[in-house]
Amino acid sequence: MEKEQVKVDKHSVYHFFKRITDILVSLVALIILSPVILILAILIFVQDGHTPFYKQIRIGQYGKPFGMFKFRSMIFNADKVLENNPKLYQKYVDNGFKLPEGEDPRVTKIGAFIRKTSLDEIPQFFNVLIGEMALVGPRPIVKKEMFEYGDRINEFLSVKPGALGLWQASGRANIGYPERCDIELEYIKNASYWYDVKVFFACCISIIKRDGAF
């Protein structure tokens, strides 16, 4: 009984400090990056007159859907363009729900740049700040990807999704399913505050090297 209590206490302490860190880091990041956010928002809006932000419905903790924010890197109504092109959509599914690098006609010139540099992910600090995402955790998936996890889906959804994670640190788009499932679940199995710190810095290195970013 005492051992179980110790486990619960450690678990609670970890999540308490994880949430505090998420709030502080995301708040500081949004303040420091506010000039970058403004400049990118203007550039994206000027190119076609549409909103510079994009909200995609992803599956969050315990299967609850939420809108994940990104800078819009594609043409307006890109989802409909994909759905209305059966051949393109099939390639999208076959490639792990992402079109191969350089083969997505929906990506704009500015979009190609911000995706390659991961600047399109900056708005996710808003998701982290309001508690829909964590700074570090498994990458949130779209509903159609849930089947990839099979009977392990509940384990995957047992934690809050992250803006950064072991999958990104391991090569991101260079790693598809089913290997991606194993990597995400490996994080969940080993999650701890210091493991999060390790994954965070590994992701920073991956972003600088632009591994799997397109």
N, C-alpha and C. Protein backbone atom coordinates (compact mmCIF):
# COMPACT_ATOMS: atom_id res chain seq x y z
N MET A 1 0.83 -1.21 0.00
CA MET A 1 0.00 0.00 0.00
C MET A 1 0.86 1.26 0.00
N GLU A 2 1.94 1.22 0.82
CA GLU A 2 2.83 2.38 0.91
C GLU A 2 3.56 2.60 -0.41
N LYS A 3 3.94 1.49 -1.06
CA LYS A 3 4.64 1.61 -2.35
C LYS A 3 3.74 2.24 -3.39
N GLU A 4 2.45 1.87 -3.38
CA GLU A 4 1.50 2.44 -4.33
C GLU A 4 1.34 3.93 -4.10
N GLN A 5 1.33 4.35 -2.82
CA GLN A 5 1.19 5.77 -2.49
C GLN A 5 2.38 6.56 -2.99
N VAL A 6 3.58 5.98 -2.84
CA VAL A 6 4.80 6.64 -3.31
C VAL A 6 4.74 6.85 -4.81
N LYS A 7 4.25 5.84 -5.55
CA LYS A 7 4.14 5.94 -7.00
C LYS A 7 3.17 7.05 -7.39
N VAL A 8 2.04 7.13 -6.70
CA VAL A 8 1.05 8.16 -7.00
C VAL A 8 1.62 9.54 -6.74
N ASP A 9 2.35 9.68 -5.61
CA ASP A 9 2.92 10.97 -5.25
C ASP A 9 3.95 11.42 -6.29
N LYS A 10 4.81 10.50 -6.71
CA LYS A 10 5.82 10.84 -7.71
C LYS A 10 5.16 11.24 -9.02
N HIS A 11 4.11 10.52 -9.38
CA HIS A 11 3.39 10.81 -10.62
C HIS A 11 2.78 12.20 -10.56
N SER A 12 2.18 12.54 -9.43
CA SER A 12 1.54 13.84 -9.26
C SER A 12 2.56 14.98 -9.28
N VAL A 13 3.69 14.76 -8.61
CA VAL A 13 4.75 15.78 -8.58
C VAL A 13 5.29 16.04 -9.98
N TYR A 14 5.48 14.96 -10.73
CA TYR A 14 5.97 15.10 -12.10
C TYR A 14 5.02 15.95 -12.93
N HIS A 15 3.74 15.65 -12.88
CA HIS A 15 2.77 16.39 -13.69
C HIS A 15 2.61 17.84 -13.21
N PHE A 16 2.77 18.07 -11.92
CA PHE A 16 2.69 19.43 -11.39
C PHE A 16 3.81 20.29 -11.96
N PHE A 17 5.04 19.80 -11.84
CA PHE A 17 6.18 20.58 -12.34
C PHE A 17 6.21 20.63 -13.86
N LYS A 18 5.69 19.60 -14.51
CA LYS A 18 5.61 19.61 -15.97
C LYS A 18 4.68 20.72 -16.43
N ARG A 19 3.52 20.86 -15.77
CA ARG A 19 2.55 21.89 -16.14
C ARG A 19 3.10 23.29 -15.87
N ILE A 20 3.76 23.46 -14.73
CA ILE A 20 4.36 24.76 -14.40
C ILE A 20 5.39 25.14 -15.46
N THR A 21 6.21 24.17 -15.86
CA THR A 21 7.23 24.41 -16.89
C THR A 21 6.57 24.76 -18.22
N ASP A 22 5.51 24.05 -18.57
CA ASP A 22 4.78 24.32 -19.81
C ASP A 22 4.29 25.76 -19.86
N ILE A 23 3.70 26.21 -18.77
CA ILE A 23 3.14 27.57 -18.71
C ILE A 23 4.25 28.61 -18.83
N LEU A 24 5.32 28.44 -18.06
CA LEU A 24 6.40 29.42 -18.05
C LEU A 24 7.12 29.48 -19.40
N VAL A 25 7.47 28.31 -19.95
CA VAL A 25 8.22 28.28 -21.21
C VAL A 25 7.38 28.81 -22.36
N SER A 26 6.11 28.40 -22.44
CA SER A 26 5.26 28.86 -23.54
C SER A 26 5.00 30.36 -23.45
N LEU A 27 4.82 30.87 -22.24
CA LEU A 27 4.57 32.30 -22.05
C LEU A 27 5.79 33.12 -22.46
N VAL A 28 6.96 32.70 -22.00
CA VAL A 28 8.20 33.39 -22.34
C VAL A 28 8.46 33.31 -23.85
N ALA A 29 8.22 32.14 -24.43
CA ALA A 29 8.45 31.95 -25.87
C ALA A 29 7.54 32.85 -26.69
N LEU A 30 6.27 32.97 -26.31
CA LEU A 30 5.33 33.81 -27.05
C LEU A 30 5.72 35.28 -26.95
N ILE A 31 6.24 35.69 -25.80
CA ILE A 31 6.67 37.09 -25.63
C ILE A 31 7.91 37.37 -26.48
N ILE A 32 8.91 36.49 -26.38
CA ILE A 32 10.16 36.69 -27.11
C ILE A 32 9.94 36.59 -28.62
N LEU A 33 9.09 35.67 -29.03
CA LEU A 33 8.88 35.44 -30.46
C LEU A 33 7.77 36.29 -31.06
N SER A 34 7.18 37.18 -30.28
CA SER A 34 6.07 38.02 -30.78
C SER A 34 6.43 38.81 -32.03
N PRO A 35 7.65 39.37 -32.15
CA PRO A 35 8.00 40.07 -33.41
C PRO A 35 8.01 39.11 -34.61
N VAL A 36 8.53 37.89 -34.40
CA VAL A 36 8.57 36.88 -35.46
C VAL A 36 7.15 36.48 -35.84
N ILE A 37 6.30 36.30 -34.84
CA ILE A 37 4.90 35.92 -35.09
C ILE A 37 4.20 36.99 -35.92
N LEU A 38 4.43 38.24 -35.58
CA LEU A 38 3.81 39.36 -36.30
C LEU A 38 4.29 39.42 -37.75
N ILE A 39 5.59 39.31 -37.95
CA ILE A 39 6.17 39.39 -39.30
C ILE A 39 5.66 38.24 -40.18
N LEU A 40 5.67 37.02 -39.64
CA LEU A 40 5.21 35.87 -40.41
C LEU A 40 3.72 35.97 -40.72
N ALA A 41 2.95 36.45 -39.75
CA ALA A 41 1.51 36.61 -39.96
C ALA A 41 1.23 37.58 -41.10
N ILE A 42 1.98 38.67 -41.16
CA ILE A 42 1.80 39.68 -42.21
C ILE A 42 2.19 39.10 -43.57
N LEU A 43 3.35 38.41 -43.62
CA LEU A 43 3.83 37.84 -44.88
C LEU A 43 2.86 36.81 -45.45
N ILE A 44 2.34 35.97 -44.58
CA ILE A 44 1.41 34.92 -45.03
C ILE A 44 0.08 35.54 -45.48
N PHE A 45 -0.37 36.55 -44.76
CA PHE A 45 -1.63 37.20 -45.13
C PHE A 45 -1.50 37.94 -46.46
N VAL A 46 -0.38 38.62 -46.66
CA VAL A 46 -0.15 39.40 -47.88
C VAL A 46 -0.13 38.52 -49.13
N GLN A 47 0.36 37.26 -49.00
CA GLN A 47 0.50 36.42 -50.20
C GLN A 47 -0.83 36.06 -50.86
N ASP A 48 -1.91 35.96 -50.06
CA ASP A 48 -3.19 35.61 -50.69
C ASP A 48 -4.43 36.21 -50.02
N GLY A 49 -4.20 37.05 -48.99
CA GLY A 49 -5.32 37.73 -48.35
C GLY A 49 -6.15 36.89 -47.39
N HIS A 50 -5.66 35.70 -47.05
CA HIS A 50 -6.39 34.83 -46.12
C HIS A 50 -5.67 34.74 -44.78
N THR A 51 -6.36 34.21 -43.78
CA THR A 51 -5.80 34.14 -42.43
C THR A 51 -4.44 33.45 -42.42
N PRO A 52 -3.49 33.99 -41.66
CA PRO A 52 -2.16 33.39 -41.60
C PRO A 52 -2.10 32.16 -40.69
N PHE A 53 -3.17 31.93 -39.94
CA PHE A 53 -3.18 30.81 -39.00
C PHE A 53 -4.08 29.68 -39.50
N TYR A 54 -3.72 28.48 -39.07
CA TYR A 54 -4.45 27.29 -39.48
C TYR A 54 -4.72 26.45 -38.24
N LYS A 55 -5.94 26.02 -38.08
CA LYS A 55 -6.29 25.19 -36.92
C LYS A 55 -6.76 23.83 -37.42
N GLN A 56 -5.98 22.81 -37.13
CA GLN A 56 -6.32 21.46 -37.56
C GLN A 56 -6.81 20.65 -36.35
N ILE A 57 -7.90 19.92 -36.55
CA ILE A 57 -8.45 19.11 -35.46
C ILE A 57 -7.57 17.88 -35.25
N ARG A 58 -7.01 17.78 -34.05
CA ARG A 58 -6.19 16.64 -33.66
C ARG A 58 -6.84 15.94 -32.46
N ILE A 59 -6.36 14.74 -32.15
CA ILE A 59 -6.89 13.98 -31.04
C ILE A 59 -6.00 14.18 -29.82
N GLY A 60 -6.59 14.69 -28.75
CA GLY A 60 -5.83 14.98 -27.55
C GLY A 60 -5.91 13.88 -26.51
N GLN A 61 -5.55 14.23 -25.29
CA GLN A 61 -5.55 13.26 -24.19
C GLN A 61 -6.95 12.68 -23.97
N TYR A 62 -7.00 11.38 -23.76
CA TYR A 62 -8.24 10.62 -23.54
C TYR A 62 -9.19 10.68 -24.75
N GLY A 63 -8.62 10.98 -25.93
CA GLY A 63 -9.41 10.97 -27.15
C GLY A 63 -10.21 12.24 -27.40
N LYS A 64 -9.96 13.28 -26.63
CA LYS A 64 -10.70 14.53 -26.79
C LYS A 64 -10.13 15.36 -27.95
N PRO A 65 -10.93 15.68 -28.96
CA PRO A 65 -10.44 16.49 -30.09
C PRO A 65 -10.15 17.94 -29.67
N PHE A 66 -9.17 18.55 -30.32
CA PHE A 66 -8.86 19.96 -30.07
C PHE A 66 -8.28 20.55 -31.34
N GLY A 67 -8.29 21.86 -31.43
CA GLY A 67 -7.74 22.54 -32.60
C GLY A 67 -6.28 22.91 -32.39
N MET A 68 -5.38 22.27 -33.13
CA MET A 68 -3.95 22.56 -33.01
C MET A 68 -3.58 23.70 -33.96
N PHE A 69 -2.97 24.73 -33.41
CA PHE A 69 -2.63 25.92 -34.19
C PHE A 69 -1.29 25.78 -34.90
N LYS A 70 -1.25 26.29 -36.14
CA LYS A 70 -0.01 26.36 -36.90
C LYS A 70 -0.09 27.60 -37.79
N PHE A 71 1.05 28.06 -38.26
CA PHE A 71 1.02 29.07 -39.32
C PHE A 71 0.61 28.34 -40.59
N ARG A 72 -0.24 28.95 -41.37
CA ARG A 72 -0.72 28.32 -42.61
C ARG A 72 0.41 28.27 -43.63
N SER A 73 0.80 27.05 -44.00
CA SER A 73 1.89 26.86 -44.97
C SER A 73 1.38 26.43 -46.33
N MET A 74 0.04 26.30 -46.44
CA MET A 74 -0.55 25.86 -47.70
C MET A 74 -1.55 26.88 -48.22
N ILE A 75 -2.04 26.61 -49.41
CA ILE A 75 -3.07 27.46 -49.99
C ILE A 75 -4.33 27.38 -49.13
N PHE A 76 -5.19 28.36 -49.25
CA PHE A 76 -6.43 28.37 -48.47
C PHE A 76 -7.31 27.19 -48.91
N ASN A 77 -7.99 26.57 -47.96
CA ASN A 77 -8.84 25.40 -48.21
C ASN A 77 -8.05 24.21 -48.74
N ALA A 78 -6.82 24.05 -48.25
CA ALA A 78 -5.95 22.97 -48.71
C ALA A 78 -6.53 21.59 -48.42
N ASP A 79 -7.26 21.45 -47.31
CA ASP A 79 -7.85 20.15 -46.97
C ASP A 79 -8.86 19.70 -48.02
N LYS A 80 -9.67 20.65 -48.49
CA LYS A 80 -10.67 20.32 -49.50
C LYS A 80 -10.01 19.97 -50.83
N VAL A 81 -8.92 20.65 -51.14
CA VAL A 81 -8.18 20.36 -52.38
C VAL A 81 -7.66 18.93 -52.33
N LEU A 82 -7.16 18.51 -51.17
CA LEU A 82 -6.65 17.15 -51.01
C LEU A 82 -7.77 16.12 -51.14
N GLU A 83 -8.88 16.37 -50.46
CA GLU A 83 -10.01 15.43 -50.46
C GLU A 83 -10.64 15.29 -51.85
N ASN A 84 -10.57 16.36 -52.65
CA ASN A 84 -11.18 16.33 -53.97
C ASN A 84 -10.26 15.75 -55.05
N ASN A 85 -9.07 15.33 -54.64
CA ASN A 85 -8.11 14.73 -55.57
C ASN A 85 -7.79 13.31 -55.08
N PRO A 86 -8.55 12.29 -55.51
CA PRO A 86 -8.39 10.91 -55.03
C PRO A 86 -6.96 10.38 -55.13
N LYS A 87 -6.30 10.66 -56.24
CA LYS A 87 -4.94 10.16 -56.45
C LYS A 87 -3.98 10.79 -55.44
N LEU A 88 -4.11 12.09 -55.23
CA LEU A 88 -3.25 12.80 -54.29
C LEU A 88 -3.54 12.34 -52.86
N TYR A 89 -4.82 12.15 -52.56
CA TYR A 89 -5.21 11.73 -51.21
C TYR A 89 -4.68 10.32 -50.90
N GLN A 90 -4.71 9.43 -51.87
CA GLN A 90 -4.20 8.07 -51.66
C GLN A 90 -2.71 8.09 -51.39
N LYS A 91 -1.99 8.96 -52.10
CA LYS A 91 -0.55 9.08 -51.88
C LYS A 91 -0.29 9.62 -50.46
N TYR A 92 -1.15 10.51 -50.04
CA TYR A 92 -1.07 11.10 -48.70
C TYR A 92 -1.23 10.02 -47.62
N VAL A 93 -2.22 9.14 -47.79
CA VAL A 93 -2.47 8.05 -46.85
C VAL A 93 -1.33 7.03 -46.87
N ASP A 94 -0.91 6.64 -48.07
CA ASP A 94 0.14 5.64 -48.22
C ASP A 94 1.47 6.10 -47.65
N ASN A 95 1.67 7.41 -47.57
CA ASN A 95 2.93 7.95 -47.08
C ASN A 95 2.85 8.35 -45.60
N GLY A 96 1.93 7.71 -44.88
CA GLY A 96 1.82 8.00 -43.44
C GLY A 96 1.15 9.32 -43.15
N PHE A 97 0.14 9.68 -43.95
CA PHE A 97 -0.64 10.90 -43.76
C PHE A 97 0.21 12.16 -43.93
N LYS A 98 1.11 12.09 -44.90
CA LYS A 98 1.93 13.25 -45.26
C LYS A 98 2.46 13.01 -46.65
N LEU A 99 2.37 14.00 -47.53
CA LEU A 99 2.88 13.83 -48.88
C LEU A 99 4.40 13.93 -48.89
N PRO A 100 5.07 13.21 -49.78
CA PRO A 100 6.53 13.24 -49.85
C PRO A 100 7.04 14.66 -50.08
N GLU A 101 8.25 14.91 -49.65
CA GLU A 101 8.85 16.23 -49.80
C GLU A 101 8.88 16.67 -51.26
N GLY A 102 8.40 17.88 -51.50
CA GLY A 102 8.40 18.45 -52.84
C GLY A 102 7.27 17.98 -53.74
N GLU A 103 6.37 17.12 -53.20
CA GLU A 103 5.28 16.58 -54.02
C GLU A 103 3.91 17.06 -53.57
N ASP A 104 3.87 18.07 -52.73
CA ASP A 104 2.59 18.60 -52.28
C ASP A 104 2.33 19.94 -52.99
N PRO A 105 1.45 19.96 -53.99
CA PRO A 105 1.19 21.17 -54.77
C PRO A 105 0.49 22.26 -53.96
N ARG A 106 0.03 21.94 -52.77
CA ARG A 106 -0.70 22.91 -51.95
C ARG A 106 0.22 23.83 -51.15
N VAL A 107 1.48 23.44 -50.98
CA VAL A 107 2.42 24.21 -50.17
C VAL A 107 2.85 25.48 -50.90
N THR A 108 2.77 26.62 -50.22
CA THR A 108 3.16 27.90 -50.81
C THR A 108 4.68 28.09 -50.68
N LYS A 109 5.20 29.13 -51.32
CA LYS A 109 6.64 29.40 -51.23
C LYS A 109 7.04 29.74 -49.80
N ILE A 110 6.26 30.61 -49.18
CA ILE A 110 6.53 30.96 -47.78
C ILE A 110 6.34 29.72 -46.91
N GLY A 111 5.31 28.94 -47.25
CA GLY A 111 5.01 27.74 -46.49
C GLY A 111 6.16 26.74 -46.50
N ALA A 112 6.79 26.57 -47.66
CA ALA A 112 7.92 25.64 -47.76
C ALA A 112 9.05 26.06 -46.83
N PHE A 113 9.26 27.37 -46.73
CA PHE A 113 10.33 27.90 -45.87
C PHE A 113 10.01 27.68 -44.39
N ILE A 114 8.79 28.04 -43.97
CA ILE A 114 8.47 27.94 -42.55
C ILE A 114 8.34 26.47 -42.09
N ARG A 115 8.01 25.58 -43.02
CA ARG A 115 7.96 24.16 -42.67
C ARG A 115 9.37 23.60 -42.52
N LYS A 116 10.26 24.00 -43.41
CA LYS A 116 11.63 23.51 -43.38
C LYS A 116 12.35 23.99 -42.12
N THR A 117 12.01 25.18 -41.66
CA THR A 117 12.64 25.76 -40.48
C THR A 117 11.83 25.53 -39.20
N SER A 118 10.68 24.85 -39.34
CA SER A 118 9.77 24.56 -38.22
C SER A 118 9.14 25.80 -37.61
N LEU A 119 9.21 26.93 -38.30
CA LEU A 119 8.58 28.15 -37.81
C LEU A 119 7.05 28.04 -37.83
N ASP A 120 6.53 27.14 -38.65
CA ASP A 120 5.08 26.98 -38.72
C ASP A 120 4.50 26.42 -37.42
N GLU A 121 5.36 25.84 -36.57
CA GLU A 121 4.91 25.23 -35.33
C GLU A 121 4.80 26.22 -34.17
N ILE A 122 5.32 27.44 -34.33
CA ILE A 122 5.35 28.41 -33.24
C ILE A 122 3.98 28.63 -32.56
N PRO A 123 2.88 28.76 -33.33
CA PRO A 123 1.58 29.00 -32.68
C PRO A 123 1.14 27.91 -31.69
N GLN A 124 1.80 26.75 -31.72
CA GLN A 124 1.42 25.70 -30.78
C GLN A 124 1.77 26.05 -29.34
N PHE A 125 2.57 27.09 -29.15
CA PHE A 125 2.81 27.57 -27.78
C PHE A 125 1.49 28.05 -27.15
N PHE A 126 0.54 28.49 -27.98
CA PHE A 126 -0.79 28.86 -27.47
C PHE A 126 -1.50 27.62 -26.93
N ASN A 127 -1.42 26.51 -27.67
CA ASN A 127 -2.02 25.26 -27.22
C ASN A 127 -1.41 24.78 -25.91
N VAL A 128 -0.10 24.96 -25.79
CA VAL A 128 0.59 24.55 -24.57
C VAL A 128 0.17 25.44 -23.41
N LEU A 129 0.09 26.73 -23.65
CA LEU A 129 -0.26 27.69 -22.60
C LEU A 129 -1.63 27.42 -22.01
N ILE A 130 -2.60 27.08 -22.86
CA ILE A 130 -3.96 26.86 -22.37
C ILE A 130 -4.21 25.42 -21.94
N GLY A 131 -3.19 24.57 -22.04
CA GLY A 131 -3.28 23.23 -21.49
C GLY A 131 -3.79 22.14 -22.41
N GLU A 132 -3.98 22.44 -23.69
CA GLU A 132 -4.42 21.41 -24.63
C GLU A 132 -3.27 20.49 -25.03
N MET A 133 -2.06 21.03 -24.96
CA MET A 133 -0.85 20.28 -25.30
C MET A 133 0.19 20.51 -24.22
N ALA A 134 1.18 19.65 -24.19
CA ALA A 134 2.33 19.83 -23.31
C ALA A 134 3.51 20.27 -24.18
N LEU A 135 4.52 20.79 -23.57
CA LEU A 135 5.71 21.17 -24.34
C LEU A 135 6.36 19.91 -24.92
N VAL A 136 6.40 18.85 -24.11
CA VAL A 136 6.98 17.58 -24.55
C VAL A 136 5.95 16.46 -24.36
N GLY A 137 5.79 15.65 -25.38
CA GLY A 137 4.84 14.54 -25.33
C GLY A 137 4.70 13.92 -26.70
N PRO A 138 3.90 12.89 -26.85
CA PRO A 138 3.69 12.27 -28.16
C PRO A 138 3.03 13.28 -29.11
N ARG A 139 3.40 13.25 -30.36
CA ARG A 139 2.83 14.19 -31.32
C ARG A 139 1.34 13.88 -31.53
N PRO A 140 0.46 14.90 -31.42
CA PRO A 140 -0.97 14.66 -31.61
C PRO A 140 -1.27 14.20 -33.04
N ILE A 141 -2.19 13.27 -33.16
CA ILE A 141 -2.53 12.70 -34.46
C ILE A 141 -3.92 13.13 -34.91
N VAL A 142 -4.19 12.97 -36.20
CA VAL A 142 -5.54 13.21 -36.71
C VAL A 142 -6.34 11.92 -36.51
N LYS A 143 -7.64 12.01 -36.56
CA LYS A 143 -8.51 10.87 -36.26
C LYS A 143 -8.20 9.66 -37.13
N LYS A 144 -7.88 9.90 -38.41
CA LYS A 144 -7.64 8.80 -39.35
C LYS A 144 -6.38 8.02 -39.03
N GLU A 145 -5.51 8.57 -38.19
CA GLU A 145 -4.28 7.88 -37.82
C GLU A 145 -4.46 6.94 -36.62
N MET A 146 -5.58 7.04 -35.94
CA MET A 146 -5.78 6.28 -34.71
C MET A 146 -5.65 4.77 -34.93
N PHE A 147 -6.09 4.29 -36.09
CA PHE A 147 -6.05 2.85 -36.34
C PHE A 147 -4.63 2.32 -36.38
N GLU A 148 -3.64 3.20 -36.64
CA GLU A 148 -2.25 2.77 -36.70
C GLU A 148 -1.76 2.23 -35.35
N TYR A 149 -2.42 2.67 -34.27
CA TYR A 149 -1.98 2.25 -32.92
C TYR A 149 -2.69 0.98 -32.45
N GLY A 150 -3.70 0.53 -33.21
CA GLY A 150 -4.38 -0.72 -32.88
C GLY A 150 -4.86 -0.77 -31.44
N ASP A 151 -4.57 -1.88 -30.74
CA ASP A 151 -5.03 -2.03 -29.36
C ASP A 151 -4.17 -1.25 -28.37
N ARG A 152 -3.20 -0.48 -28.90
CA ARG A 152 -2.36 0.36 -28.03
C ARG A 152 -2.83 1.82 -28.01
N ILE A 153 -3.95 2.10 -28.67
CA ILE A 153 -4.42 3.48 -28.79
C ILE A 153 -4.74 4.11 -27.44
N ASN A 154 -5.30 3.35 -26.52
CA ASN A 154 -5.63 3.91 -25.21
C ASN A 154 -4.38 4.32 -24.44
N GLU A 155 -3.33 3.53 -24.59
CA GLU A 155 -2.05 3.88 -23.95
C GLU A 155 -1.50 5.16 -24.55
N PHE A 156 -1.59 5.28 -25.87
CA PHE A 156 -1.10 6.48 -26.55
C PHE A 156 -1.87 7.73 -26.11
N LEU A 157 -3.18 7.58 -25.94
CA LEU A 157 -4.03 8.72 -25.58
C LEU A 157 -4.09 8.98 -24.07
N SER A 158 -3.33 8.22 -23.29
CA SER A 158 -3.38 8.37 -21.84
C SER A 158 -2.60 9.59 -21.35
N VAL A 159 -1.79 10.18 -22.23
CA VAL A 159 -1.01 11.36 -21.85
C VAL A 159 -1.34 12.53 -22.77
N LYS A 160 -0.99 13.71 -22.32
CA LYS A 160 -1.25 14.91 -23.11
C LYS A 160 -0.27 14.96 -24.29
N PRO A 161 -0.74 15.25 -25.50
CA PRO A 161 0.16 15.34 -26.66
C PRO A 161 1.12 16.52 -26.52
N GLY A 162 2.24 16.44 -27.22
CA GLY A 162 3.25 17.47 -27.08
C GLY A 162 3.59 18.23 -28.35
N ALA A 163 4.08 19.44 -28.18
CA ALA A 163 4.56 20.24 -29.30
C ALA A 163 5.90 19.66 -29.78
N LEU A 164 6.64 19.09 -28.84
CA LEU A 164 7.92 18.43 -29.14
C LEU A 164 7.86 17.03 -28.57
N GLY A 165 8.57 16.10 -29.19
CA GLY A 165 8.52 14.73 -28.68
C GLY A 165 9.63 13.86 -29.22
N LEU A 166 9.65 12.63 -28.76
CA LEU A 166 10.70 11.69 -29.13
C LEU A 166 10.68 11.38 -30.63
N TRP A 167 9.49 11.38 -31.23
CA TRP A 167 9.38 11.12 -32.66
C TRP A 167 10.11 12.20 -33.46
N GLN A 168 9.89 13.49 -33.07
CA GLN A 168 10.58 14.57 -33.77
C GLN A 168 12.09 14.50 -33.56
N ALA A 169 12.48 14.17 -32.32
CA ALA A 169 13.90 14.08 -32.00
C ALA A 169 14.57 12.93 -32.75
N SER A 170 13.77 11.94 -33.15
CA SER A 170 14.31 10.76 -33.82
C SER A 170 14.34 10.86 -35.34
N GLY A 171 13.77 11.96 -35.89
CA GLY A 171 13.80 12.12 -37.35
C GLY A 171 12.50 12.54 -37.98
N ARG A 172 11.45 12.68 -37.19
CA ARG A 172 10.15 13.20 -37.64
C ARG A 172 9.64 12.51 -38.90
N ALA A 173 9.43 13.25 -39.97
CA ALA A 173 8.80 12.71 -41.18
C ALA A 173 9.63 11.59 -41.84
N ASN A 174 10.89 11.46 -41.44
CA ASN A 174 11.70 10.37 -41.98
C ASN A 174 11.30 9.03 -41.39
N ILE A 175 10.50 9.06 -40.32
CA ILE A 175 10.08 7.83 -39.65
C ILE A 175 8.57 7.69 -39.75
N GLY A 176 8.11 6.68 -40.44
CA GLY A 176 6.68 6.46 -40.62
C GLY A 176 6.15 5.37 -39.71
N TYR A 177 4.87 5.02 -39.94
CA TYR A 177 4.26 3.92 -39.19
C TYR A 177 4.75 2.59 -39.77
N PRO A 178 4.86 1.54 -38.95
CA PRO A 178 4.48 1.44 -37.53
C PRO A 178 5.59 1.83 -36.57
N GLU A 179 6.80 2.15 -37.08
CA GLU A 179 7.91 2.50 -36.19
C GLU A 179 7.58 3.72 -35.34
N ARG A 180 6.83 4.65 -35.93
CA ARG A 180 6.46 5.84 -35.18
C ARG A 180 5.69 5.48 -33.91
N CYS A 181 4.79 4.51 -34.00
CA CYS A 181 4.00 4.07 -32.83
C CYS A 181 4.93 3.62 -31.71
N ASP A 182 5.92 2.82 -32.06
CA ASP A 182 6.84 2.29 -31.06
C ASP A 182 7.61 3.41 -30.37
N ILE A 183 8.01 4.42 -31.15
CA ILE A 183 8.78 5.54 -30.59
C ILE A 183 7.91 6.36 -29.65
N GLU A 184 6.68 6.66 -30.04
CA GLU A 184 5.79 7.45 -29.20
C GLU A 184 5.48 6.72 -27.90
N LEU A 185 5.26 5.42 -27.97
CA LEU A 185 4.95 4.63 -26.78
C LEU A 185 6.18 4.44 -25.90
N GLU A 186 7.35 4.48 -26.50
CA GLU A 186 8.59 4.41 -25.72
C GLU A 186 8.70 5.64 -24.82
N TYR A 187 8.31 6.80 -25.37
CA TYR A 187 8.33 8.02 -24.56
C TYR A 187 7.39 7.88 -23.35
N ILE A 188 6.17 7.41 -23.61
CA ILE A 188 5.18 7.27 -22.54
C ILE A 188 5.69 6.34 -21.45
N LYS A 189 6.34 5.27 -21.85
CA LYS A 189 6.87 4.30 -20.89
C LYS A 189 7.96 4.90 -20.01
N ASN A 190 8.77 5.80 -20.56
CA ASN A 190 9.92 6.35 -19.84
C ASN A 190 9.72 7.78 -19.34
N ALA A 191 8.52 8.33 -19.51
CA ALA A 191 8.27 9.73 -19.18
C ALA A 191 8.67 10.09 -17.75
N SER A 192 9.41 11.17 -17.64
CA SER A 192 9.79 11.75 -16.35
C SER A 192 10.23 13.18 -16.64
N TYR A 193 10.40 13.98 -15.61
CA TYR A 193 10.76 15.38 -15.84
C TYR A 193 12.10 15.49 -16.58
N TRP A 194 13.08 14.74 -16.13
CA TRP A 194 14.41 14.84 -16.74
C TRP A 194 14.45 14.19 -18.12
N TYR A 195 13.61 13.20 -18.32
CA TYR A 195 13.50 12.61 -19.66
C TYR A 195 12.91 13.64 -20.62
N ASP A 196 11.93 14.42 -20.14
CA ASP A 196 11.36 15.50 -20.94
C ASP A 196 12.43 16.53 -21.32
N VAL A 197 13.28 16.87 -20.38
CA VAL A 197 14.36 17.83 -20.64
C VAL A 197 15.29 17.28 -21.72
N LYS A 198 15.61 16.00 -21.61
CA LYS A 198 16.48 15.35 -22.59
C LYS A 198 15.85 15.38 -23.98
N VAL A 199 14.56 15.03 -24.06
CA VAL A 199 13.85 15.02 -25.34
C VAL A 199 13.75 16.43 -25.91
N PHE A 200 13.50 17.41 -25.04
CA PHE A 200 13.40 18.81 -25.48
C PHE A 200 14.66 19.26 -26.20
N PHE A 201 15.81 19.02 -25.61
CA PHE A 201 17.06 19.47 -26.22
C PHE A 201 17.40 18.64 -27.46
N ALA A 202 17.01 17.37 -27.46
CA ALA A 202 17.22 16.54 -28.65
C ALA A 202 16.40 17.08 -29.81
N CYS A 203 15.19 17.56 -29.50
CA CYS A 203 14.33 18.15 -30.53
C CYS A 203 14.92 19.45 -31.06
N CYS A 204 15.49 20.25 -30.17
CA CYS A 204 16.11 21.51 -30.58
C CYS A 204 17.23 21.24 -31.58
N ILE A 205 18.03 20.22 -31.31
CA ILE A 205 19.12 19.85 -32.23
C ILE A 205 18.56 19.38 -33.55
N SER A 206 17.47 18.59 -33.49
CA SER A 206 16.83 18.08 -34.71
C SER A 206 16.27 19.21 -35.56
N ILE A 207 15.70 20.23 -34.89
CA ILE A 207 15.13 21.39 -35.60
C ILE A 207 16.25 22.17 -36.31
N ILE A 208 17.37 22.35 -35.60
CA ILE A 208 18.50 23.08 -36.18
C ILE A 208 19.05 22.33 -37.39
N LYS A 209 19.09 21.00 -37.29
CA LYS A 209 19.59 20.16 -38.40
C LYS A 209 18.53 19.98 -39.49
N ARG A 210 17.27 20.35 -39.16
CA ARG A 210 16.12 20.22 -40.08
C ARG A 210 15.87 18.78 -40.48
N ASP A 211 16.04 17.88 -39.54
CA ASP A 211 15.77 16.46 -39.80
C ASP A 211 14.29 16.21 -40.01
N GLY A 212 13.92 15.69 -41.16
CA GLY A 212 12.55 15.31 -41.44
C GLY A 212 11.56 16.45 -41.50
N ALA A 213 12.05 17.67 -41.69
CA ALA A 213 11.17 18.85 -41.73
C ALA A 213 10.86 19.22 -43.17
N PHE A 214 9.59 19.06 -43.57
CA PHE A 214 9.17 19.51 -44.91
C PHE A 214 7.65 19.55 -44.95
